[in-house]
């Protein structure tokens, strides 16, 4: 069985830390208390991880190429969920919010 590359595991770990620590893109999410919403409704947390892993790009050696961009897209989605006046640019594409699995 093959494991996720170390760089990918680190990117996911840091993303989870920033998300739980209320430090995910502090500029975009300044003043927005999103943690209660994410942790009270599991589907919002599920979507945050889906967007992060769908947007995250990995090269042939298993190194992440855009973890900052992946985090930013999640921050945009969270902002949209918490602030009805906010619109993400560019708009989310279907592949970014696709849920995978059985």
PDB file of N, CA and C in Angstrom:
ATOM      1  N   UNK A   1       0.842  -1.179   0.000  1.00  0.00           N
ATOM      2  CA  UNK A   1       0.000   0.000   0.000  1.00  0.00           C
ATOM      3  C   UNK A   1       0.891   1.248   0.000  1.00  0.00           C
ATOM      4  N   UNK A   2       0.571   2.209  -0.848  1.00  0.00           N
ATOM      5  CA  UNK A   2       1.322   3.449  -0.953  1.00  0.00           C
ATOM      6  C   UNK A   2       0.649   4.519  -0.096  1.00  0.00           C
ATOM      7  N   UNK A   3       1.460   5.304   0.576  1.00  0.00           N
ATOM      8  CA  UNK A   3       0.954   6.391   1.413  1.00  0.00           C
ATOM      9  C   UNK A   3       1.024   7.703   0.644  1.00  0.00           C
ATOM     10  N   UNK A   4       0.264   8.676   1.101  1.00  0.00           N
ATOM     11  CA  UNK A   4       0.367  10.011   0.524  1.00  0.00           C
ATOM     12  C   UNK A   4       1.787  10.521   0.724  1.00  0.00           C
ATOM     13  N   UNK A   5       2.310  11.259  -0.232  1.00  0.00           N
ATOM     14  CA  UNK A   5       3.643  11.835  -0.067  1.00  0.00           C
ATOM     15  C   UNK A   5       3.702  12.733   1.174  1.00  0.00           C
ATOM     16  N   UNK A   6       4.876  12.834   1.761  1.00  0.00           N
ATOM     17  CA  UNK A   6       5.072  13.624   2.977  1.00  0.00           C
ATOM     18  C   UNK A   6       4.615  15.068   2.782  1.00  0.00           C
ATOM     19  N   UNK A   7       4.919  15.662   1.639  1.00  0.00           N
ATOM     20  CA  UNK A   7       4.536  17.045   1.378  1.00  0.00           C
ATOM     21  C   UNK A   7       3.019  17.217   1.385  1.00  0.00           C
ATOM     22  N   UNK A   8       2.301  16.252   0.850  1.00  0.00           N
ATOM     23  CA  UNK A   8       0.834  16.311   0.822  1.00  0.00           C
ATOM     24  C   UNK A   8       0.290  16.170   2.241  1.00  0.00           C
ATOM     25  N   UNK A   9       0.822  15.227   2.995  1.00  0.00           N
ATOM     26  CA  UNK A   9       0.385  15.061   4.385  1.00  0.00           C
ATOM     27  C   UNK A   9       0.639  16.332   5.179  1.00  0.00           C
ATOM     28  N   UNK A  10       1.787  16.974   4.960  1.00  0.00           N
ATOM     29  CA  UNK A  10       2.095  18.222   5.666  1.00  0.00           C
ATOM     30  C   UNK A  10       1.119  19.329   5.269  1.00  0.00           C
ATOM     31  N   UNK A  11       0.811  19.435   3.980  1.00  0.00           N
ATOM     32  CA  UNK A  11      -0.126  20.466   3.514  1.00  0.00           C
ATOM     33  C   UNK A  11      -1.500  20.280   4.155  1.00  0.00           C
ATOM     34  N   UNK A  12      -1.961  19.041   4.237  1.00  0.00           N
ATOM     35  CA  UNK A  12      -3.265  18.766   4.851  1.00  0.00           C
ATOM     36  C   UNK A  12      -3.219  19.066   6.345  1.00  0.00           C
ATOM     37  N   UNK A  13      -2.116  18.684   7.000  1.00  0.00           N
ATOM     38  CA  UNK A  13      -1.976  18.948   8.430  1.00  0.00           C
ATOM     39  C   UNK A  13      -1.999  20.445   8.713  1.00  0.00           C
ATOM     40  N   UNK A  14      -1.226  21.236   7.954  1.00  0.00           N
ATOM     41  CA  UNK A  14      -1.212  22.683   8.171  1.00  0.00           C
ATOM     42  C   UNK A  14      -2.576  23.300   7.868  1.00  0.00           C
ATOM     43  N   UNK A  15      -3.224  22.833   6.811  1.00  0.00           N
ATOM     44  CA  UNK A  15      -4.560  23.334   6.491  1.00  0.00           C
ATOM     45  C   UNK A  15      -5.511  23.086   7.664  1.00  0.00           C
ATOM     46  N   UNK A  16      -5.495  21.876   8.214  1.00  0.00           N
ATOM     47  CA  UNK A  16      -6.371  21.551   9.347  1.00  0.00           C
ATOM     48  C   UNK A  16      -6.040  22.429  10.556  1.00  0.00           C
ATOM     49  N   UNK A  17      -4.751  22.669  10.796  1.00  0.00           N
ATOM     50  CA  UNK A  17      -4.335  23.523  11.908  1.00  0.00           C
ATOM     51  C   UNK A  17      -4.853  24.944  11.719  1.00  0.00           C
ATOM     52  N   UNK A  18      -4.622  25.521  10.542  1.00  0.00           N
ATOM     53  CA  UNK A  18      -5.075  26.891  10.292  1.00  0.00           C
ATOM     54  C   UNK A  18      -6.597  26.992  10.408  1.00  0.00           C
ATOM     55  N   UNK A  19      -7.291  26.006   9.884  1.00  0.00           N
ATOM     56  CA  UNK A  19      -8.751  25.999   9.922  1.00  0.00           C
ATOM     57  C   UNK A  19      -9.249  25.966  11.362  1.00  0.00           C
ATOM     58  N   UNK A  20      -8.719  25.061  12.162  1.00  0.00           N
ATOM     59  CA  UNK A  20      -9.164  24.913  13.545  1.00  0.00           C
ATOM     60  C   UNK A  20      -8.678  26.050  14.441  1.00  0.00           C
ATOM     61  N   UNK A  21      -7.557  26.664  14.091  1.00  0.00           N
ATOM     62  CA  UNK A  21      -6.957  27.717  14.906  1.00  0.00           C
ATOM     63  C   UNK A  21      -7.469  29.108  14.535  1.00  0.00           C
ATOM     64  N   UNK A  22      -8.404  29.179  13.579  1.00  0.00           N
ATOM     65  CA  UNK A  22      -8.977  30.451  13.124  1.00  0.00           C
ATOM     66  C   UNK A  22      -7.922  31.351  12.492  1.00  0.00           C
ATOM     67  N   UNK A  23      -6.958  30.738  11.785  1.00  0.00           N
ATOM     68  CA  UNK A  23      -5.914  31.516  11.124  1.00  0.00           C
ATOM     69  C   UNK A  23      -5.849  31.216   9.629  1.00  0.00           C
ATOM     70  N   UNK A  24      -6.913  30.673   9.070  1.00  0.00           N
ATOM     71  CA  UNK A  24      -6.975  30.429   7.633  1.00  0.00           C
ATOM     72  C   UNK A  24      -7.230  31.756   6.930  1.00  0.00           C
ATOM     73  N   UNK A  25      -6.313  32.186   6.105  1.00  0.00           N
ATOM     74  CA  UNK A  25      -6.389  33.440   5.361  1.00  0.00           C
ATOM     75  C   UNK A  25      -7.007  34.554   6.203  1.00  0.00           C
ATOM     76  N   UNK A  26      -6.237  35.025   7.166  1.00  0.00           N
ATOM     77  CA  UNK A  26      -6.748  36.003   8.124  1.00  0.00           C
ATOM     78  C   UNK A  26      -7.193  37.309   7.470  1.00  0.00           C
ATOM     79  N   UNK A  27      -6.645  37.655   6.315  1.00  0.00           N
ATOM     80  CA  UNK A  27      -7.083  38.879   5.636  1.00  0.00           C
ATOM     81  C   UNK A  27      -8.507  38.727   5.103  1.00  0.00           C
ATOM     82  N   UNK A  28      -8.773  37.644   4.427  1.00  0.00           N
ATOM     83  CA  UNK A  28     -10.090  37.431   3.824  1.00  0.00           C
ATOM     84  C   UNK A  28     -11.157  37.141   4.878  1.00  0.00           C
ATOM     85  N   UNK A  29     -10.780  36.445   5.934  1.00  0.00           N
ATOM     86  CA  UNK A  29     -11.760  36.014   6.936  1.00  0.00           C
ATOM     87  C   UNK A  29     -11.702  36.843   8.217  1.00  0.00           C
ATOM     88  N   UNK A  30     -11.069  38.007   8.157  1.00  0.00           N
ATOM     89  CA  UNK A  30     -10.956  38.870   9.332  1.00  0.00           C
ATOM     90  C   UNK A  30     -12.340  39.216   9.884  1.00  0.00           C
ATOM     91  N   UNK A  31     -12.544  38.959  11.165  1.00  0.00           N
ATOM     92  CA  UNK A  31     -13.812  39.293  11.815  1.00  0.00           C
ATOM     93  C   UNK A  31     -14.925  38.285  11.597  1.00  0.00           C
ATOM     94  N   UNK A  32     -14.659  37.223  10.868  1.00  0.00           N
ATOM     95  CA  UNK A  32     -15.684  36.207  10.611  1.00  0.00           C
ATOM     96  C   UNK A  32     -15.388  34.987  11.473  1.00  0.00           C
ATOM     97  N   UNK A  33     -16.307  34.655  12.395  1.00  0.00           N
ATOM     98  CA  UNK A  33     -16.139  33.478  13.243  1.00  0.00           C
ATOM     99  C   UNK A  33     -16.772  32.295  12.529  1.00  0.00           C
ATOM    100  N   UNK A  34     -15.964  31.599  11.763  1.00  0.00           N
ATOM    101  CA  UNK A  34     -16.469  30.501  10.944  1.00  0.00           C
ATOM    102  C   UNK A  34     -16.374  29.154  11.636  1.00  0.00           C
ATOM    103  N   UNK A  35     -15.591  29.039  12.681  1.00  0.00           N
ATOM    104  CA  UNK A  35     -15.351  27.730  13.281  1.00  0.00           C
ATOM    105  C   UNK A  35     -16.616  27.098  13.833  1.00  0.00           C
ATOM    106  N   UNK A  36     -17.455  27.870  14.495  1.00  0.00           N
ATOM    107  CA  UNK A  36     -18.684  27.311  15.038  1.00  0.00           C
ATOM    108  C   UNK A  36     -19.530  26.695  13.934  1.00  0.00           C
ATOM    109  N   UNK A  37     -19.643  27.406  12.832  1.00  0.00           N
ATOM    110  CA  UNK A  37     -20.441  26.907  11.710  1.00  0.00           C
ATOM    111  C   UNK A  37     -19.844  25.627  11.127  1.00  0.00           C
ATOM    112  N   UNK A  38     -18.526  25.618  10.915  1.00  0.00           N
ATOM    113  CA  UNK A  38     -17.879  24.448  10.327  1.00  0.00           C
ATOM    114  C   UNK A  38     -17.969  23.223  11.220  1.00  0.00           C
ATOM    115  N   UNK A  39     -17.777  23.432  12.506  1.00  0.00           N
ATOM    116  CA  UNK A  39     -17.736  22.290  13.402  1.00  0.00           C
ATOM    117  C   UNK A  39     -19.112  21.862  13.888  1.00  0.00           C
ATOM    118  N   UNK A  40     -20.111  22.717  13.759  1.00  0.00           N
ATOM    119  CA  UNK A  40     -21.477  22.336  14.140  1.00  0.00           C
ATOM    120  C   UNK A  40     -22.153  21.562  13.010  1.00  0.00           C
ATOM    121  N   UNK A  41     -21.902  21.959  11.796  1.00  0.00           N
ATOM    122  CA  UNK A  41     -22.500  21.304  10.643  1.00  0.00           C
ATOM    123  C   UNK A  41     -21.397  20.564   9.896  1.00  0.00           C
ATOM    124  N   UNK A  42     -21.356  19.258  10.021  1.00  0.00           N
ATOM    125  CA  UNK A  42     -20.288  18.460   9.437  1.00  0.00           C
ATOM    126  C   UNK A  42     -20.148  18.603   7.933  1.00  0.00           C
ATOM    127  N   UNK A  43     -21.242  18.872   7.233  1.00  0.00           N
ATOM    128  CA  UNK A  43     -21.152  18.962   5.775  1.00  0.00           C
ATOM    129  C   UNK A  43     -20.327  20.174   5.345  1.00  0.00           C
ATOM    130  N   UNK A  44     -20.331  21.257   6.127  1.00  0.00           N
ATOM    131  CA  UNK A  44     -19.497  22.417   5.796  1.00  0.00           C
ATOM    132  C   UNK A  44     -18.016  22.079   5.972  1.00  0.00           C
ATOM    133  N   UNK A  45     -17.676  21.365   7.023  1.00  0.00           N
ATOM    134  CA  UNK A  45     -16.294  20.942   7.238  1.00  0.00           C
ATOM    135  C   UNK A  45     -15.872  19.961   6.153  1.00  0.00           C
ATOM    136  N   UNK A  46     -16.768  19.064   5.795  1.00  0.00           N
ATOM    137  CA  UNK A  46     -16.509  18.108   4.718  1.00  0.00           C
ATOM    138  C   UNK A  46     -16.205  18.844   3.411  1.00  0.00           C
ATOM    139  N   UNK A  47     -16.986  19.873   3.103  1.00  0.00           N
ATOM    140  CA  UNK A  47     -16.768  20.630   1.872  1.00  0.00           C
ATOM    141  C   UNK A  47     -15.458  21.392   1.920  1.00  0.00           C
ATOM    142  N   UNK A  48     -15.076  21.914   3.070  1.00  0.00           N
ATOM    143  CA  UNK A  48     -13.802  22.626   3.189  1.00  0.00           C
ATOM    144  C   UNK A  48     -12.647  21.704   2.823  1.00  0.00           C
ATOM    145  N   UNK A  49     -12.662  20.478   3.327  1.00  0.00           N
ATOM    146  CA  UNK A  49     -11.599  19.534   3.002  1.00  0.00           C
ATOM    147  C   UNK A  49     -11.696  19.070   1.551  1.00  0.00           C
ATOM    148  N   UNK A  50     -12.901  18.935   1.029  1.00  0.00           N
ATOM    149  CA  UNK A  50     -13.060  18.537  -0.371  1.00  0.00           C
ATOM    150  C   UNK A  50     -12.458  19.599  -1.290  1.00  0.00           C
ATOM    151  N   UNK A  51     -12.763  20.859  -1.046  1.00  0.00           N
ATOM    152  CA  UNK A  51     -12.217  21.932  -1.886  1.00  0.00           C
ATOM    153  C   UNK A  51     -10.698  21.953  -1.775  1.00  0.00           C
ATOM    154  N   UNK A  52     -10.176  21.874  -0.549  1.00  0.00           N
ATOM    155  CA  UNK A  52      -8.727  21.906  -0.374  1.00  0.00           C
ATOM    156  C   UNK A  52      -8.054  20.789  -1.159  1.00  0.00           C
ATOM    157  N   UNK A  53      -8.537  19.568  -1.033  1.00  0.00           N
ATOM    158  CA  UNK A  53      -7.882  18.443  -1.699  1.00  0.00           C
ATOM    159  C   UNK A  53      -8.156  18.418  -3.197  1.00  0.00           C
ATOM    160  N   UNK A  54      -9.286  18.938  -3.649  1.00  0.00           N
ATOM    161  CA  UNK A  54      -9.559  19.004  -5.086  1.00  0.00           C
ATOM    162  C   UNK A  54      -8.678  20.042  -5.778  1.00  0.00           C
ATOM    163  N   UNK A  55      -8.419  21.155  -5.123  1.00  0.00           N
ATOM    164  CA  UNK A  55      -7.629  22.236  -5.717  1.00  0.00           C
ATOM    165  C   UNK A  55      -6.125  21.971  -5.584  1.00  0.00           C
ATOM    166  N   UNK A  56      -5.727  21.260  -4.552  1.00  0.00           N
ATOM    167  CA  UNK A  56      -4.311  21.005  -4.295  1.00  0.00           C
ATOM    168  C   UNK A  56      -3.671  20.258  -5.470  1.00  0.00           C
ATOM    169  N   UNK A  57      -2.559  20.801  -5.960  1.00  0.00           N
ATOM    170  CA  UNK A  57      -1.820  20.166  -7.052  1.00  0.00           C
ATOM    171  C   UNK A  57      -0.530  19.576  -6.508  1.00  0.00           C
ATOM    172  N   UNK A  58      -0.150  18.410  -7.059  1.00  0.00           N
ATOM    173  CA  UNK A  58       1.035  17.690  -6.614  1.00  0.00           C
ATOM    174  C   UNK A  58       1.853  17.310  -7.841  1.00  0.00           C
ATOM    175  N   UNK A  59       3.174  17.515  -7.784  1.00  0.00           N
ATOM    176  CA  UNK A  59       4.007  17.135  -8.920  1.00  0.00           C
ATOM    177  C   UNK A  59       4.367  15.647  -8.867  1.00  0.00           C
ATOM    178  N   UNK A  60       5.136  15.202  -9.843  1.00  0.00           N
ATOM    179  CA  UNK A  60       5.478  13.780  -9.977  1.00  0.00           C
ATOM    180  C   UNK A  60       6.266  13.255  -8.776  1.00  0.00           C
ATOM    181  N   UNK A  61       6.976  14.134  -8.082  1.00  0.00           N
ATOM    182  CA  UNK A  61       7.755  13.722  -6.914  1.00  0.00           C
ATOM    183  C   UNK A  61       6.944  13.791  -5.628  1.00  0.00           C
ATOM    184  N   UNK A  62       5.675  14.168  -5.728  1.00  0.00           N
ATOM    185  CA  UNK A  62       4.816  14.237  -4.551  1.00  0.00           C
ATOM    186  C   UNK A  62       4.892  15.551  -3.797  1.00  0.00           C
ATOM    187  N   UNK A  63       5.485  16.579  -4.409  1.00  0.00           N
ATOM    188  CA  UNK A  63       5.567  17.897  -3.775  1.00  0.00           C
ATOM    189  C   UNK A  63       4.329  18.718  -4.117  1.00  0.00           C
ATOM    190  N   UNK A  64       3.821  19.400  -3.124  1.00  0.00           N
ATOM    191  CA  UNK A  64       2.664  20.251  -3.381  1.00  0.00           C
ATOM    192  C   UNK A  64       3.106  21.509  -4.124  1.00  0.00           C
ATOM    193  N   UNK A  65       2.258  21.979  -5.018  1.00  0.00           N
ATOM    194  CA  UNK A  65       2.588  23.124  -5.864  1.00  0.00           C
ATOM    195  C   UNK A  65       1.791  24.379  -5.523  1.00  0.00           C
ATOM    196  N   UNK A  66       0.646  24.219  -4.864  1.00  0.00           N
ATOM    197  CA  UNK A  66      -0.238  25.372  -4.679  1.00  0.00           C
ATOM    198  C   UNK A  66      -1.052  25.304  -3.390  1.00  0.00           C
ATOM    199  N   UNK A  67      -0.462  24.867  -2.304  1.00  0.00           N
ATOM    200  CA  UNK A  67      -1.261  24.730  -1.088  1.00  0.00           C
ATOM    201  C   UNK A  67      -1.825  26.068  -0.622  1.00  0.00           C
ATOM    202  N   UNK A  68      -1.131  27.169  -0.857  1.00  0.00           N
ATOM    203  CA  UNK A  68      -1.670  28.483  -0.520  1.00  0.00           C
ATOM    204  C   UNK A  68      -2.925  28.817  -1.318  1.00  0.00           C
ATOM    205  N   UNK A  69      -2.907  28.480  -2.596  1.00  0.00           N
ATOM    206  CA  UNK A  69      -4.086  28.704  -3.437  1.00  0.00           C
ATOM    207  C   UNK A  69      -5.250  27.832  -2.985  1.00  0.00           C
ATOM    208  N   UNK A  70      -4.961  26.593  -2.643  1.00  0.00           N
ATOM    209  CA  UNK A  70      -6.010  25.684  -2.171  1.00  0.00           C
ATOM    210  C   UNK A  70      -6.631  26.219  -0.880  1.00  0.00           C
ATOM    211  N   UNK A  71      -5.797  26.728   0.023  1.00  0.00           N
ATOM    212  CA  UNK A  71      -6.311  27.311   1.270  1.00  0.00           C
ATOM    213  C   UNK A  71      -7.157  28.549   0.970  1.00  0.00           C
ATOM    214  N   UNK A  72      -6.706  29.373   0.034  1.00  0.00           N
ATOM    215  CA  UNK A  72      -7.443  30.587  -0.313  1.00  0.00           C
ATOM    216  C   UNK A  72      -8.822  30.254  -0.881  1.00  0.00           C
ATOM    217  N   UNK A  73      -8.900  29.229  -1.714  1.00  0.00           N
ATOM    218  CA  UNK A  73     -10.202  28.849  -2.286  1.00  0.00           C
ATOM    219  C   UNK A  73     -11.158  28.394  -1.181  1.00  0.00           C
ATOM    220  N   UNK A  74     -10.638  27.673  -0.211  1.00  0.00           N
ATOM    221  CA  UNK A  74     -11.481  27.278   0.931  1.00  0.00           C
ATOM    222  C   UNK A  74     -11.921  28.522   1.695  1.00  0.00           C
ATOM    223  N   UNK A  75     -11.002  29.449   1.914  1.00  0.00           N
ATOM    224  CA  UNK A  75     -11.354  30.688   2.622  1.00  0.00           C
ATOM    225  C   UNK A  75     -12.443  31.445   1.873  1.00  0.00           C
ATOM    226  N   UNK A  76     -12.367  31.476   0.550  1.00  0.00           N
ATOM    227  CA  UNK A  76     -13.417  32.123  -0.249  1.00  0.00           C
ATOM    228  C   UNK A  76     -14.757  31.420  -0.053  1.00  0.00           C
ATOM    229  N   UNK A  77     -14.742  30.104  -0.052  1.00  0.00           N
ATOM    230  CA  UNK A  77     -15.985  29.351   0.122  1.00  0.00           C
ATOM    231  C   UNK A  77     -16.573  29.604   1.509  1.00  0.00           C
ATOM    232  N   UNK A  78     -15.707  29.609   2.526  1.00  0.00           N
ATOM    233  CA  UNK A  78     -16.173  29.887   3.894  1.00  0.00           C
ATOM    234  C   UNK A  78     -16.768  31.284   3.964  1.00  0.00           C
ATOM    235  N   UNK A  79     -16.101  32.243   3.371  1.00  0.00           N
ATOM    236  CA  UNK A  79     -16.599  33.625   3.382  1.00  0.00           C
ATOM    237  C   UNK A  79     -17.970  33.698   2.722  1.00  0.00           C
ATOM    238  N   UNK A  80     -18.156  32.986   1.617  1.00  0.00           N
ATOM    239  CA  UNK A  80     -19.465  32.960   0.944  1.00  0.00           C
ATOM    240  C   UNK A  80     -20.533  32.374   1.857  1.00  0.00           C
ATOM    241  N   UNK A  81     -20.194  31.337   2.625  1.00  0.00           N
ATOM    242  CA  UNK A  81     -21.159  30.697   3.522  1.00  0.00           C
ATOM    243  C   UNK A  81     -21.528  31.611   4.686  1.00  0.00           C
ATOM    244  N   UNK A  82     -20.593  32.446   5.122  1.00  0.00           N
ATOM    245  CA  UNK A  82     -20.819  33.294   6.290  1.00  0.00           C
ATOM    246  C   UNK A  82     -21.246  34.721   5.941  1.00  0.00           C
ATOM    247  N   UNK A  83     -20.985  35.155   4.722  1.00  0.00           N
ATOM    248  CA  UNK A  83     -21.256  36.527   4.299  1.00  0.00           C
ATOM    249  C   UNK A  83     -22.003  36.493   2.967  1.00  0.00           C
ATOM    250  N   UNK A  84     -23.332  36.618   2.997  1.00  0.00           N
ATOM    251  CA  UNK A  84     -24.123  36.514   1.761  1.00  0.00           C
ATOM    252  C   UNK A  84     -23.807  37.591   0.727  1.00  0.00           C
ATOM    253  N   UNK A  85     -23.118  38.656   1.124  1.00  0.00           N
ATOM    254  CA  UNK A  85     -22.773  39.724   0.185  1.00  0.00           C
ATOM    255  C   UNK A  85     -21.454  39.466  -0.539  1.00  0.00           C
ATOM    256  N   UNK A  86     -20.721  38.422  -0.128  1.00  0.00           N
ATOM    257  CA  UNK A  86     -19.421  38.124  -0.724  1.00  0.00           C
ATOM    258  C   UNK A  86     -19.588  37.198  -1.925  1.00  0.00           C
ATOM    259  N   UNK A  87     -18.849  37.472  -2.991  1.00  0.00           N
ATOM    260  CA  UNK A  87     -18.831  36.620  -4.173  1.00  0.00           C
ATOM    261  C   UNK A  87     -17.397  36.231  -4.467  1.00  0.00           C
ATOM    262  N   UNK A  88     -17.141  34.947  -4.608  1.00  0.00           N
ATOM    263  CA  UNK A  88     -15.795  34.459  -4.907  1.00  0.00           C
ATOM    264  C   UNK A  88     -15.448  34.760  -6.357  1.00  0.00           C
ATOM    265  N   UNK A  89     -14.225  35.200  -6.561  1.00  0.00           N
ATOM    266  CA  UNK A  89     -13.702  35.424  -7.905  1.00  0.00           C
ATOM    267  C   UNK A  89     -12.412  34.651  -8.067  1.00  0.00           C
ATOM    268  N   UNK A  90     -12.307  33.770  -9.018  1.00  0.00           N
ATOM    269  CA  UNK A  90     -13.362  33.392  -9.956  1.00  0.00           C
ATOM    270  C   UNK A  90     -14.405  32.533  -9.259  1.00  0.00           C
ATOM    271  N   UNK A  91     -15.590  32.413  -9.880  1.00  0.00           N
ATOM    272  CA  UNK A  91     -16.617  31.552  -9.301  1.00  0.00           C
ATOM    273  C   UNK A  91     -16.115  30.116  -9.195  1.00  0.00           C
ATOM    274  N   UNK A  92     -16.659  29.380  -8.245  1.00  0.00           N
ATOM    275  CA  UNK A  92     -16.263  27.986  -8.086  1.00  0.00           C
ATOM    276  C   UNK A  92     -16.749  27.156  -9.266  1.00  0.00           C
ATOM    277  N   UNK A  93     -15.884  26.271  -9.718  1.00  0.00           N
ATOM    278  CA  UNK A  93     -16.253  25.322 -10.761  1.00  0.00           C
ATOM    279  C   UNK A  93     -16.669  24.017 -10.088  1.00  0.00           C
ATOM    280  N   UNK A  94     -17.451  23.221 -10.808  1.00  0.00           N
ATOM    281  CA  UNK A  94     -18.003  21.984 -10.234  1.00  0.00           C
ATOM    282  C   UNK A  94     -16.916  21.054  -9.699  1.00  0.00           C
ATOM    283  N   UNK A  95     -15.779  20.956 -10.390  1.00  0.00           N
ATOM    284  CA  UNK A  95     -14.731  20.040  -9.958  1.00  0.00           C
ATOM    285  C   UNK A  95     -14.119  20.456  -8.616  1.00  0.00           C
ATOM    286  N   UNK A  96     -14.184  21.741  -8.288  1.00  0.00           N
ATOM    287  CA  UNK A  96     -13.609  22.213  -7.031  1.00  0.00           C
ATOM    288  C   UNK A  96     -14.435  21.760  -5.832  1.00  0.00           C
ATOM    289  N   UNK A  97     -15.736  21.617  -6.004  1.00  0.00           N
ATOM    290  CA  UNK A  97     -16.614  21.273  -4.898  1.00  0.00           C
ATOM    291  C   UNK A  97     -17.135  19.838  -4.979  1.00  0.00           C
ATOM    292  N   UNK A  98     -16.561  19.051  -5.837  1.00  0.00           N
ATOM    293  CA  UNK A  98     -17.001  17.666  -6.011  1.00  0.00           C
ATOM    294  C   UNK A  98     -16.589  16.824  -4.801  1.00  0.00           C
ATOM    295  N   UNK A  99     -17.548  16.049  -4.298  1.00  0.00           N
ATOM    296  CA  UNK A  99     -17.270  15.120  -3.206  1.00  0.00           C
ATOM    297  C   UNK A  99     -16.968  13.758  -3.805  1.00  0.00           C
ATOM    298  N   UNK A 100     -15.883  13.144  -3.360  1.00  0.00           N
ATOM    299  CA  UNK A 100     -15.465  11.844  -3.873  1.00  0.00           C
ATOM    300  C   UNK A 100     -15.658  10.775  -2.823  1.00  0.00           C
ATOM    301  N   UNK A 101     -15.827   9.569  -3.264  1.00  0.00           N
ATOM    302  CA  UNK A 101     -15.910   8.442  -2.332  1.00  0.00           C
ATOM    303  C   UNK A 101     -17.112   7.581  -2.582  1.00  0.00           C
ATOM    304  N   UNK A 102     -17.202   6.554  -1.794  1.00  0.00           N
ATOM    305  CA  UNK A 102     -18.319   5.608  -1.972  1.00  0.00           C
ATOM    306  C   UNK A 102     -19.655   6.196  -1.618  1.00  0.00           C
TER     307      UNK A 102
END
